[in-house]
Protein backbone atom coordinates (compact mmCIF):
# COMPACT_ATOMS: atom_id res chain seq x y z
CA UNK A 1 -2.93 53.17 -20.12
CA UNK A 2 -2.84 53.84 -23.86
CA UNK A 3 0.13 56.17 -23.46
CA UNK A 4 2.37 53.22 -22.64
CA UNK A 5 1.40 51.35 -25.81
CA UNK A 6 3.56 53.11 -28.44
CA UNK A 7 6.58 53.01 -26.14
CA UNK A 8 6.22 49.31 -25.66
CA UNK A 9 5.65 48.81 -29.38
CA UNK A 10 8.75 50.83 -30.24
CA UNK A 11 10.75 48.90 -27.66
CA UNK A 12 9.55 45.63 -29.11
CA UNK A 13 10.46 46.73 -32.64
CA UNK A 14 13.87 47.86 -31.43
CA UNK A 15 14.38 44.52 -29.68
CA UNK A 16 13.51 42.62 -32.84
CA UNK A 17 15.81 44.84 -34.87
CA UNK A 18 18.66 44.20 -32.39
CA UNK A 19 18.14 40.45 -32.59
CA UNK A 20 17.94 40.56 -36.38
CA UNK A 21 21.25 42.50 -36.62
CA UNK A 22 23.22 40.03 -34.47
CA UNK A 23 24.12 37.67 -37.38
CA UNK A 24 25.54 40.68 -39.26
CA UNK A 25 27.72 41.65 -36.32
CA UNK A 26 28.95 38.07 -35.97
CA UNK A 27 29.80 38.01 -39.68
CA UNK A 28 31.73 41.29 -39.50
CA UNK A 29 33.63 40.11 -36.42
CA UNK A 30 34.54 36.77 -38.02
CA UNK A 31 35.39 38.20 -41.46
CA UNK A 32 39.09 38.99 -40.70
CA UNK A 33 39.70 35.50 -39.32
CA UNK A 34 38.01 33.87 -42.30
CA UNK A 35 39.94 36.06 -44.75
CA UNK A 36 43.23 35.32 -43.02
CA UNK A 37 42.57 31.58 -43.03
CA UNK A 38 41.72 31.71 -46.75
CA UNK A 39 44.94 33.57 -47.61
CA UNK A 40 46.98 31.13 -45.50
CA UNK A 41 45.39 28.18 -47.30
CA UNK A 42 46.19 29.70 -50.71
CA UNK A 43 49.84 30.39 -49.76
CA UNK A 44 50.28 26.90 -48.33
CA UNK A 45 48.81 25.31 -51.46
CA UNK A 46 51.23 27.36 -53.58
CA UNK A 47 54.18 26.13 -51.52
CA UNK A 48 55.04 29.59 -50.28
CA UNK A 49 56.44 28.91 -46.82
CA UNK A 50 58.45 32.06 -46.43
CA UNK A 51 58.91 33.32 -42.89
CA UNK A 52 58.48 36.83 -41.63
CA UNK A 53 60.49 37.83 -38.62
CA UNK A 54 59.43 40.88 -36.67
CA UNK A 55 61.69 42.34 -34.05
CA UNK A 56 60.05 44.40 -31.31
CA UNK A 57 61.91 46.10 -28.54
CA UNK A 58 61.11 44.80 -25.05
CA UNK A 59 59.83 48.20 -23.81
CA UNK A 60 57.40 48.26 -26.75
CA UNK A 61 56.21 44.74 -25.87
CA UNK A 62 55.60 45.80 -22.27
CA UNK A 63 53.77 48.94 -23.34
CA UNK A 64 51.69 47.09 -25.93
CA UNK A 65 50.78 44.34 -23.46
CA UNK A 66 49.74 46.95 -20.91
CA UNK A 67 47.59 48.75 -23.44
CA UNK A 68 45.99 45.48 -24.58
CA UNK A 69 45.21 44.43 -21.01
CA UNK A 70 43.76 47.88 -20.30
CA UNK A 71 41.52 47.66 -23.37
CA UNK A 72 40.33 44.18 -22.32
CA UNK A 73 39.74 45.35 -18.75
CA UNK A 74 37.83 48.42 -19.94
CA UNK A 75 35.68 46.23 -22.19
CA UNK A 76 34.88 43.84 -19.34
CA UNK A 77 34.10 46.75 -16.99
CA UNK A 78 31.84 48.33 -19.64
CA UNK A 79 29.89 45.09 -20.04
CA UNK A 80 29.56 44.76 -16.26
CA UNK A 81 28.43 48.40 -15.97
CA UNK A 82 25.78 47.97 -18.68
CA UNK A 83 24.43 44.80 -17.06
CA UNK A 84 24.45 46.45 -13.63
CA UNK A 85 22.52 49.46 -14.93
CA UNK A 86 19.98 47.15 -16.54
CA UNK A 87 19.54 45.21 -13.29
CA UNK A 88 19.20 48.44 -11.31
CA UNK A 89 16.59 49.82 -13.74
CA UNK A 90 14.68 46.53 -13.65
CA UNK A 91 14.74 46.51 -9.84
CA UNK A 92 13.60 50.14 -9.69
CA UNK A 93 10.73 49.36 -12.07
CA UNK A 94 9.79 46.29 -10.00
CA UNK A 95 9.90 48.27 -6.74
CA UNK A 96 7.75 51.02 -8.29
CA UNK A 97 5.21 48.46 -9.54
CA UNK A 98 5.08 46.81 -6.11
CA UNK A 99 4.66 50.21 -4.44
CA UNK A 100 1.79 51.08 -6.80
CA UNK A 101 0.19 47.70 -6.13
CA UNK A 102 0.53 48.16 -2.38
CA UNK A 103 -0.93 51.67 -2.60
CA UNK A 104 -3.86 50.42 -4.66
CA UNK A 105 -4.42 47.60 -2.18
CA UNK A 106 -4.44 50.08 0.72
CA UNK A 107 -6.92 52.29 -1.12
CA UNK A 108 -9.11 49.28 -1.89
CA UNK A 109 -8.97 48.20 1.76
CA UNK A 110 -9.83 51.70 2.95
CA UNK A 111 -12.81 51.88 0.58
CA UNK A 112 -13.98 48.46 1.78
CA UNK A 113 -13.81 49.51 5.45
CA UNK A 114 -15.68 52.74 4.71
CA UNK A 115 -18.42 50.84 2.89
CA UNK A 116 -18.59 48.21 5.62
CA UNK A 117 -18.93 50.95 8.24
CA UNK A 118 -21.79 52.48 6.23
CA UNK A 119 -23.56 49.14 5.69
CA UNK A 120 -23.34 48.23 9.39
CA UNK A 121 -24.12 51.65 10.82
CA UNK A 122 -27.65 52.04 9.44
CA UNK A 123 -29.05 48.67 10.61
CA UNK A 124 -27.36 48.97 14.00
CA UNK A 125 -28.70 52.50 14.46
CA UNK A 126 -32.23 51.33 13.64
CA UNK A 127 -31.96 48.38 16.03
CA UNK A 128 -30.58 50.50 18.87
CA UNK A 129 -33.21 53.20 18.35
CA UNK A 130 -36.03 50.66 18.34
CA UNK A 131 -34.63 48.94 21.41
CA UNK A 132 -34.34 52.24 23.30
CA UNK A 133 -37.88 53.17 22.34
CA UNK A 134 -39.16 49.81 23.55
CA UNK A 135 -37.40 50.26 26.89
CA UNK A 136 -39.13 53.62 27.26
CA UNK A 137 -42.47 52.01 26.36
CA UNK A 138 -42.60 53.93 23.07
CA UNK A 139 -43.63 52.19 19.88
CA UNK A 140 -44.82 48.96 21.38
CA UNK A 141 -44.83 45.60 19.62
CA UNK A 142 -45.19 47.14 16.15
CA UNK A 143 -41.54 48.30 16.34
CA UNK A 144 -40.04 44.83 16.59
CA UNK A 145 -40.57 43.94 12.89
CA UNK A 146 -38.11 46.76 12.19
CA UNK A 147 -35.55 45.00 14.40
CA UNK A 148 -36.20 41.69 12.66
CA UNK A 149 -35.76 43.25 9.21
CA UNK A 150 -32.52 45.02 10.12
CA UNK A 151 -31.15 41.91 11.84
CA UNK A 152 -31.95 39.89 8.72
CA UNK A 153 -30.11 42.49 6.63
CA UNK A 154 -27.04 42.20 8.85
CA UNK A 155 -27.21 38.41 8.72
CA UNK A 156 -27.35 38.44 4.91
CA UNK A 157 -24.38 40.82 4.76
CA UNK A 158 -22.26 38.65 7.07
CA UNK A 159 -23.26 35.52 5.14
CA UNK A 160 -22.26 37.09 1.80
CA UNK A 161 -18.91 38.28 3.20
CA UNK A 162 -18.18 34.81 4.57
CA UNK A 163 -19.09 33.30 1.22
CA UNK A 164 -16.70 35.69 -0.54
CA UNK A 165 -13.88 34.83 1.90
CA UNK A 166 -14.47 31.09 1.44
CA UNK A 167 -14.18 31.40 -2.34
CA UNK A 168 -10.48 32.25 -2.12
CA UNK A 169 -9.57 29.03 -0.28
CA UNK A 170 -12.25 26.52 -1.23
CA UNK A 171 -10.90 23.80 -3.58
CA UNK A 172 -12.71 23.61 -6.91
CA UNK A 173 -14.78 20.48 -7.52
CA UNK A 174 -14.39 20.36 -11.28
CA UNK A 175 -16.61 18.41 -13.62
CA UNK A 176 -17.68 18.73 -17.29
CA UNK A 177 -20.24 21.56 -17.47
CA UNK A 178 -22.53 22.18 -20.45
CA UNK A 179 -22.86 25.97 -20.43
CA UNK A 180 -25.99 26.02 -22.58
CA UNK A 181 -27.77 23.69 -20.18
CA UNK A 182 -26.51 25.74 -17.22
CA UNK A 183 -27.94 28.94 -18.73
CA UNK A 184 -31.26 27.29 -19.61
CA UNK A 185 -31.65 26.04 -16.03
CA UNK A 186 -30.60 29.39 -14.53
CA UNK A 187 -33.14 31.30 -16.63
CA UNK A 188 -35.86 28.78 -15.75
CA UNK A 189 -35.08 29.11 -12.03
CA UNK A 190 -35.26 32.90 -12.26
CA UNK A 191 -38.56 32.67 -14.16
CA UNK A 192 -40.04 30.59 -11.34
CA UNK A 193 -39.11 33.27 -8.78
CA UNK A 194 -39.96 36.23 -11.02
CA UNK A 195 -42.14 35.25 -14.01
CA UNK A 196 -42.17 38.78 -15.43
CA UNK A 197 -38.36 38.96 -15.58
CA UNK A 198 -38.08 35.42 -16.88
CA UNK A 199 -40.45 36.29 -19.74
CA UNK A 200 -38.14 39.14 -20.79
CA UNK A 201 -35.07 36.91 -21.04
CA UNK A 202 -33.98 35.40 -24.37
CA UNK A 203 -31.08 32.96 -24.78
CA UNK A 204 -29.04 32.94 -28.00
CA UNK A 205 -26.40 30.22 -28.53
CA UNK A 206 -23.93 30.32 -31.42
CA UNK A 207 -23.45 26.82 -32.86
CA UNK A 208 -21.90 27.64 -36.25
CA UNK A 209 -19.27 26.72 -37.32
CA UNK A 210 -19.06 24.66 -34.11
CA UNK A 211 -20.92 24.54 -30.79
CA UNK A 212 -19.42 25.64 -27.50
CA UNK A 213 -17.90 22.50 -25.95
CA UNK A 214 -18.34 21.60 -22.27
CA UNK A 215 -15.83 23.16 -19.90
CA UNK A 216 -14.19 21.85 -16.74
CA UNK A 217 -15.63 23.87 -13.88
CA UNK A 218 -17.13 23.81 -10.41
CA UNK A 219 -20.83 23.63 -11.25
CA UNK A 220 -22.07 25.08 -7.96
CA UNK A 221 -19.75 28.10 -8.08
CA UNK A 222 -20.35 28.76 -11.76
CA UNK A 223 -24.12 28.55 -11.20
CA UNK A 224 -23.76 31.08 -8.38
CA UNK A 225 -21.93 33.50 -10.70
CA UNK A 226 -24.51 33.15 -13.48
CA UNK A 227 -27.41 33.52 -11.04
CA UNK A 228 -25.91 36.75 -9.70
CA UNK A 229 -25.46 38.26 -13.16
CA UNK A 230 -28.96 37.27 -14.31
CA UNK A 231 -30.44 38.49 -11.03
CA UNK A 232 -28.77 41.88 -11.41
CA UNK A 233 -30.05 42.23 -14.97
CA UNK A 234 -33.60 41.52 -13.81
CA UNK A 235 -33.32 43.67 -10.70
CA UNK A 236 -31.97 46.82 -12.36
CA UNK A 237 -34.12 46.72 -15.52
CA UNK A 238 -37.79 46.94 -14.63
CA UNK A 239 -38.82 46.55 -18.27
CA UNK A 240 -37.29 45.88 -21.67
CA UNK A 241 -35.58 42.78 -23.05
CA UNK A 242 -32.72 40.92 -21.40
CA UNK A 243 -30.46 39.05 -23.85
CA UNK A 244 -28.25 36.16 -22.77
CA UNK A 245 -25.72 35.15 -25.41
CA UNK A 246 -23.31 32.19 -25.45
CA UNK A 247 -20.50 31.79 -27.97
CA UNK A 248 -16.97 30.45 -28.44
CA UNK A 249 -14.22 32.99 -29.11
CA UNK A 250 -10.44 32.53 -29.28
CA UNK A 251 -10.38 29.40 -27.13
CA UNK A 252 -12.81 30.79 -24.57
CA UNK A 253 -16.47 30.33 -23.77
CA UNK A 254 -18.08 33.77 -23.67
CA UNK A 255 -21.36 34.60 -21.94
CA UNK A 256 -22.94 38.04 -22.41
CA UNK A 257 -25.86 39.25 -20.31
CA UNK A 258 -27.25 42.50 -21.71
CA UNK A 259 -30.14 44.59 -20.39
CA UNK A 260 -31.77 47.94 -21.14
CA UNK A 261 -32.04 49.00 -17.51
CA UNK A 262 -30.91 52.03 -15.53
CA UNK A 263 -27.21 51.42 -16.20
CA UNK A 264 -24.31 52.56 -14.00
CA UNK A 265 -22.99 56.12 -13.69
CA UNK A 266 -19.57 56.56 -15.27
CA UNK A 267 -18.02 57.66 -11.96
CA UNK A 268 -19.01 54.34 -10.34
CA UNK A 269 -17.67 52.05 -13.07
CA UNK A 270 -14.07 51.74 -11.74
CA UNK A 271 -15.33 50.27 -8.44
CA UNK A 272 -18.13 47.97 -9.66
CA UNK A 273 -16.20 44.80 -8.69
CA UNK A 274 -15.16 46.07 -5.25
CA UNK A 275 -16.70 44.47 -2.18
CA UNK A 276 -19.82 46.29 -0.95
CA UNK A 277 -19.67 48.73 -3.89
CA UNK A 278 -23.05 50.01 -5.03
CA UNK A 279 -23.82 52.55 -7.73
CA UNK A 280 -25.30 55.89 -6.71
CA UNK A 281 -28.49 55.18 -8.64
CA UNK A 282 -28.99 51.75 -7.02
CA UNK A 283 -29.61 52.78 -3.41
CA UNK A 284 -33.34 52.15 -3.73
CA UNK A 285 -32.81 48.48 -4.66
CA UNK A 286 -32.13 45.91 -1.96
CA UNK A 287 -28.69 44.33 -2.08
CA UNK A 288 -25.38 44.00 -0.27
CA UNK A 289 -22.97 44.99 -3.05
CA UNK A 290 -21.23 41.60 -2.86
CA UNK A 291 -22.70 40.03 -6.02
CA UNK A 292 -20.22 41.24 -8.64
CA UNK A 293 -17.30 40.63 -6.24
CA UNK A 294 -18.45 37.01 -5.97
CA UNK A 295 -18.71 36.76 -9.75
CA UNK A 296 -15.20 38.17 -10.24
CA UNK A 297 -13.73 35.81 -7.61
CA UNK A 298 -15.41 32.76 -9.14
CA UNK A 299 -14.26 33.62 -12.67
CA UNK A 300 -10.73 34.30 -11.40
CA UNK A 301 -10.61 30.90 -9.66
CA UNK A 302 -11.53 29.26 -12.97
CA UNK A 303 -8.82 31.11 -14.90
CA UNK A 304 -11.39 33.38 -16.53
CA UNK A 305 -12.41 37.01 -16.26
CA UNK A 306 -15.46 39.23 -16.06
CA UNK A 307 -15.93 42.62 -17.69
CA UNK A 308 -18.72 45.17 -17.55
CA UNK A 309 -19.81 47.91 -19.93
CA UNK A 310 -22.58 50.27 -18.96
CA UNK A 311 -24.14 53.63 -19.73
CA UNK A 312 -26.50 55.35 -17.34
CA UNK A 313 -30.16 55.23 -18.46
CA UNK A 314 -29.21 52.95 -21.38
CA UNK A 315 -28.27 49.55 -20.00
CA UNK A 316 -25.46 47.19 -19.03
CA UNK A 317 -23.55 44.31 -20.61
CA UNK A 318 -21.73 41.86 -18.34
CA UNK A 319 -19.32 39.50 -20.11
CA UNK A 320 -18.04 36.28 -18.57
CA UNK A 321 -15.04 34.57 -20.18
CA UNK A 322 -14.01 31.03 -19.30
CA UNK A 323 -11.13 29.00 -20.79
CA UNK A 324 -12.23 25.97 -22.80
CA UNK A 325 -9.06 23.94 -22.25
């Protein structure tokens, strides 16, 4: 990704240099006409109206006209060829970008199906095994809680997937949202469910030189995104502080949620926002792997973005950015 930077920078500099040199080329092209007009004006003012007669043989006129027309035609063809090459290169680049996007989409879809197969296979296997044992009078009534638990897991997975699908088409019900109040209420709600985690959370709001103004957002969806991020911070950091920070930066409201938990292995970072993606060191914690996908979809619908930085055994920082305008 960085390798493309210098090339683009050089191209941009070259483009600016080309635009800057255009007035010079126009001046050089117009200089003969301006000089000729000035000389003509001087001669006319001096009363010098002498005539110059030039006799050219007809064959020379025909040859000269042919050469002139050929030069003009070659110039026109050269311009057309340059423009055609540019269009062809642009189309090739566009086709290549679309092909890469399609390939990435296919890979993403394949990963999703593989994860979905894994998430469905385990509960279904447990249910079928318990059912078969019950039919053979093995296990008795104590086996049915296993079925209930696995069925509940499947129900939660289907519910989360439906929620994610609905996000892409549901119209936003925008209203002015005070982000500080939203964070205070979200932390308080988490503290009610998990007092120990709530006690570890600290909210810092930057108000100097100006406070973060309210934003136009869908309150329910934005609350869902914040709840997911706070819940993950509490779930994957059994101890240690959790810092929630709110600030304004470059026309955006920025929310950071930082913890000192188990972090995410480097190999898992590229897929953290994929549906059903779960880090290798998170298998022992209950969850569907939909949470960060929901967060990314909600931020995208609001014209914002989410980013994540993490180091295994050190902690994680999730950053939400929302446009203020």
